Protein backbone atom coordinates (compact mmCIF):
# COMPACT_ATOMS: atom_id res chain seq x y z
CA UNK A 1 -3.89 44.23 6.00
CA UNK A 2 -6.65 41.90 3.96
CA UNK A 3 -5.91 39.08 1.51
CA UNK A 4 -7.89 37.81 -1.19
CA UNK A 5 -7.64 33.29 -0.48
CA UNK A 6 -7.38 33.16 -4.30
CA UNK A 7 -4.73 35.25 -4.77
CA UNK A 8 -1.64 32.36 -5.12
CA UNK A 9 0.39 32.26 -8.00
CA UNK A 10 2.44 29.64 -9.04
CA UNK A 11 5.99 30.78 -10.11
CA UNK A 12 7.79 28.08 -11.02
CA UNK A 13 6.95 24.06 -11.27
CA UNK A 14 9.50 21.43 -11.59
CA UNK A 15 8.36 18.12 -12.53
CA UNK A 16 10.53 15.46 -10.45
CA UNK A 17 8.86 12.07 -10.95
CA UNK A 18 7.26 10.92 -13.85
CA UNK A 19 5.42 7.48 -12.82
CA UNK A 20 2.92 5.03 -14.63
CA UNK A 21 -0.17 6.40 -12.28
CA UNK A 22 1.15 9.81 -11.02
CA UNK A 23 3.25 12.58 -11.73
CA UNK A 24 4.91 14.78 -8.88
CA UNK A 25 6.12 18.61 -9.35
CA UNK A 26 7.66 20.76 -6.62
CA UNK A 27 5.85 24.35 -7.04
CA UNK A 28 6.78 27.36 -5.86
CA UNK A 29 4.03 29.53 -5.20
CA UNK A 30 3.41 32.89 -4.05
CA UNK A 31 1.14 33.45 -1.08
CA UNK A 32 -1.41 36.57 -0.71
CA UNK A 33 1.07 38.20 1.86
CA UNK A 34 3.91 38.04 -0.79
CA UNK A 35 5.70 35.21 0.71
CA UNK A 36 7.12 32.38 -1.24
CA UNK A 37 6.41 28.47 -0.49
CA UNK A 38 7.70 25.15 -1.99
CA UNK A 39 4.74 22.89 -2.26
CA UNK A 40 4.59 19.11 -3.48
CA UNK A 41 1.68 18.02 -5.90
CA UNK A 42 0.56 15.04 -7.38
CA UNK A 43 -0.83 14.94 -11.09
CA UNK A 44 -2.96 12.25 -11.31
CA UNK A 45 -5.18 11.19 -14.79
CA UNK A 46 -8.41 10.72 -12.29
CA UNK A 47 -10.34 7.65 -11.36
CA UNK A 48 -14.01 6.16 -11.43
CA UNK A 49 -15.43 3.94 -8.67
CA UNK A 50 -18.45 1.95 -9.52
CA UNK A 51 -20.96 0.23 -7.21
CA UNK A 52 -22.53 -2.64 -8.80
CA UNK A 53 -26.05 -2.76 -7.46
CA UNK A 54 -28.04 -5.96 -8.24
CA UNK A 55 -31.94 -6.31 -8.21
CA UNK A 56 -31.54 -7.65 -4.45
CA UNK A 57 -29.76 -5.04 -2.77
CA UNK A 58 -26.63 -7.09 -3.01
CA UNK A 59 -23.63 -5.52 -4.25
CA UNK A 60 -20.45 -6.46 -6.08
CA UNK A 61 -17.43 -5.36 -4.57
CA UNK A 62 -13.54 -6.83 -4.60
CA UNK A 63 -10.71 -7.71 -2.36
CA UNK A 64 -7.44 -7.11 -3.46
CA UNK A 65 -3.90 -5.77 -2.09
CA UNK A 66 -3.19 -2.36 -2.00
CA UNK A 67 0.40 -1.70 -1.58
CA UNK A 68 0.78 1.66 -0.60
CA UNK A 69 -0.85 0.18 2.50
CA UNK A 70 0.44 -3.04 2.81
CA UNK A 71 -2.69 -5.24 3.24
CA UNK A 72 -5.80 -6.46 1.76
CA UNK A 73 -8.55 -4.15 1.53
CA UNK A 74 -12.64 -4.73 0.44
CA UNK A 75 -13.42 -1.90 -2.25
CA UNK A 76 -16.10 -0.66 -4.93
CA UNK A 77 -14.69 -1.63 -8.23
CA UNK A 78 -12.52 0.96 -9.87
CA UNK A 79 -10.04 2.33 -12.15
CA UNK A 80 -7.77 5.15 -13.22
CA UNK A 81 -8.75 6.99 -16.90
CA UNK A 82 -6.94 6.31 -20.04
CA UNK A 83 -5.91 9.41 -21.76
CA UNK A 84 -8.61 11.34 -23.29
CA UNK A 85 -11.32 8.73 -21.89
CA UNK A 86 -14.85 9.66 -20.59
CA UNK A 87 -15.29 8.95 -17.03
CA UNK A 88 -18.42 7.17 -17.86
CA UNK A 89 -16.90 4.88 -20.74
CA UNK A 90 -13.97 3.72 -17.98
CA UNK A 91 -16.51 2.98 -15.37
CA UNK A 92 -18.20 0.60 -18.58
CA UNK A 93 -14.70 -0.93 -19.08
CA UNK A 94 -13.65 -1.63 -15.62
CA UNK A 95 -17.02 -2.83 -14.58
CA UNK A 96 -16.44 -5.68 -16.99
CA UNK A 97 -12.76 -6.29 -16.18
CA UNK A 98 -12.87 -6.38 -12.54
CA UNK A 99 -16.83 -7.70 -12.42
CA UNK A 100 -17.00 -9.05 -15.20
CA UNK A 101 -20.91 -7.32 -15.53
CA UNK A 102 -21.98 -4.27 -17.76
CA UNK A 103 -25.03 -2.62 -16.94
CA UNK A 104 -28.54 -1.34 -18.28
CA UNK A 105 -27.85 2.01 -16.44
CA UNK A 106 -24.90 3.65 -15.01
CA UNK A 107 -25.44 6.86 -12.91
CA UNK A 108 -23.10 9.23 -11.69
CA UNK A 109 -23.57 9.73 -7.98
CA UNK A 110 -20.97 11.74 -7.12
CA UNK A 111 -17.71 13.44 -8.33
CA UNK A 112 -14.76 14.52 -5.82
CA UNK A 113 -11.19 15.33 -5.10
CA UNK A 114 -9.72 12.34 -3.43
CA UNK A 115 -6.95 14.51 -1.56
CA UNK A 116 -6.89 17.96 -2.63
CA UNK A 117 -4.44 19.07 -0.38
CA UNK A 118 -1.42 17.48 -2.39
CA UNK A 119 -3.07 15.67 -5.62
CA UNK A 120 -5.58 16.85 -8.00
CA UNK A 121 -7.08 13.47 -8.95
CA UNK A 122 -10.77 14.01 -9.62
CA UNK A 123 -12.85 10.86 -8.49
CA UNK A 124 -16.36 9.73 -10.18
CA UNK A 125 -18.40 7.54 -7.99
CA UNK A 126 -21.10 5.82 -10.57
CA UNK A 127 -24.10 3.43 -8.96
CA UNK A 128 -24.65 0.53 -11.84
CA UNK A 129 -28.09 -1.38 -12.05
CA UNK A 130 -29.41 -3.58 -14.26
CA UNK A 131 -26.60 -6.08 -14.29
CA UNK A 132 -25.60 -8.70 -16.82
CA UNK A 133 -22.73 -10.72 -17.18
CA UNK A 134 -19.99 -9.17 -19.71
CA UNK A 135 -16.73 -10.50 -20.78
CA UNK A 136 -13.71 -8.88 -19.16
CA UNK A 137 -10.39 -9.48 -17.20
CA UNK A 138 -8.39 -7.53 -14.88
CA UNK A 139 -5.40 -6.24 -15.55
CA UNK A 140 -2.30 -8.53 -15.52
CA UNK A 141 -0.91 -7.06 -12.48
CA UNK A 142 -4.62 -6.82 -10.53
CA UNK A 143 -5.45 -10.21 -8.72
CA UNK A 144 -8.95 -9.62 -7.38
CA UNK A 145 -11.54 -11.59 -5.31
CA UNK A 146 -15.01 -10.66 -6.16
CA UNK A 147 -17.35 -10.72 -3.15
CA UNK A 148 -21.02 -10.04 -2.82
CA UNK A 149 -22.79 -9.16 0.33
CA UNK A 150 -26.58 -7.09 1.03
CA UNK A 151 -25.32 -3.30 0.93
CA UNK A 152 -26.82 -2.94 4.43
CA UNK A 153 -23.79 -5.31 5.50
CA UNK A 154 -21.03 -3.22 3.56
CA UNK A 155 -22.69 -0.44 5.29
CA UNK A 156 -21.89 -2.17 8.51
CA UNK A 157 -18.66 -3.08 7.69
CA UNK A 158 -18.01 0.99 7.42
CA UNK A 159 -19.55 1.17 10.67
CA UNK A 160 -16.88 -1.33 12.11
CA UNK A 161 -13.80 -0.30 10.44
CA UNK A 162 -13.57 -2.90 7.64
CA UNK A 163 -14.45 -0.94 5.10
CA UNK A 164 -11.19 1.91 5.61
CA UNK A 165 -11.09 2.94 1.68
CA UNK A 166 -12.76 6.11 1.21
CA UNK A 167 -14.15 5.97 -2.40
CA UNK A 168 -16.11 2.89 -0.93
CA UNK A 169 -17.29 4.70 2.23
CA UNK A 170 -18.48 7.23 -0.40
CA UNK A 171 -19.97 5.00 -3.15
CA UNK A 172 -22.10 2.53 -0.38
CA UNK A 173 -23.00 5.26 1.09
CA UNK A 174 -25.04 7.56 -2.00
CA UNK A 175 -26.07 3.68 -3.23
CA UNK A 176 -28.44 3.45 0.30
CA UNK A 177 -29.38 6.95 -0.97
CA UNK A 178 -29.84 6.10 -4.84
CA UNK A 179 -31.72 2.97 -3.80
CA UNK A 180 -34.03 5.40 -1.63
CA UNK A 181 -34.66 7.50 -4.10
CA UNK A 182 -32.74 10.23 -2.99
CA UNK A 183 -29.95 10.69 -6.08
CA UNK A 184 -28.74 13.94 -5.41
CA UNK A 185 -27.14 16.77 -7.08
CA UNK A 186 -26.50 14.37 -9.82
CA UNK A 187 -29.47 12.54 -10.84
CA UNK A 188 -30.32 11.67 -14.75
CA UNK A 189 -26.39 11.82 -15.24
CA UNK A 190 -25.83 8.52 -17.12
CA UNK A 191 -26.75 6.48 -19.52
């Protein structure tokens, strides 16, 4: 018998957790072959990450504690979308909050799902150029060290395992392509 991959039907959904960032659901799903399974799904409002790229080829990153991995990571600045907030506006807000900068140009490099096996979190990566100082402060529970390093050093840190955060790996890699003039499918998406 032949089945369509898209023939999945949610027949019941129960929210079992409502947190500050995520909501957890238990979903009963009818599979294409008629069997029913229970899957967990995490609902997330979405997030943005920015690669603040200076004219000299250096990037601004943040070093911060990440509780889920029980460690400090070096990452591109990022943040969660507020209700009704457009991704580009979130990128501008987070750029000021996390690294105290504003950008003359903010260009969308990519849009992707972080972990679609269990979460609907949609992530947007921007490159920010024409940087100048802007007032802003991290959220009260964020303790960040701003780090400036050459983009090529960041790429080397990906290769040797010192940068392990997915959004940073994607963002820095796409920023290098952007600098080389290969802006990809999202070219021109920004202001």
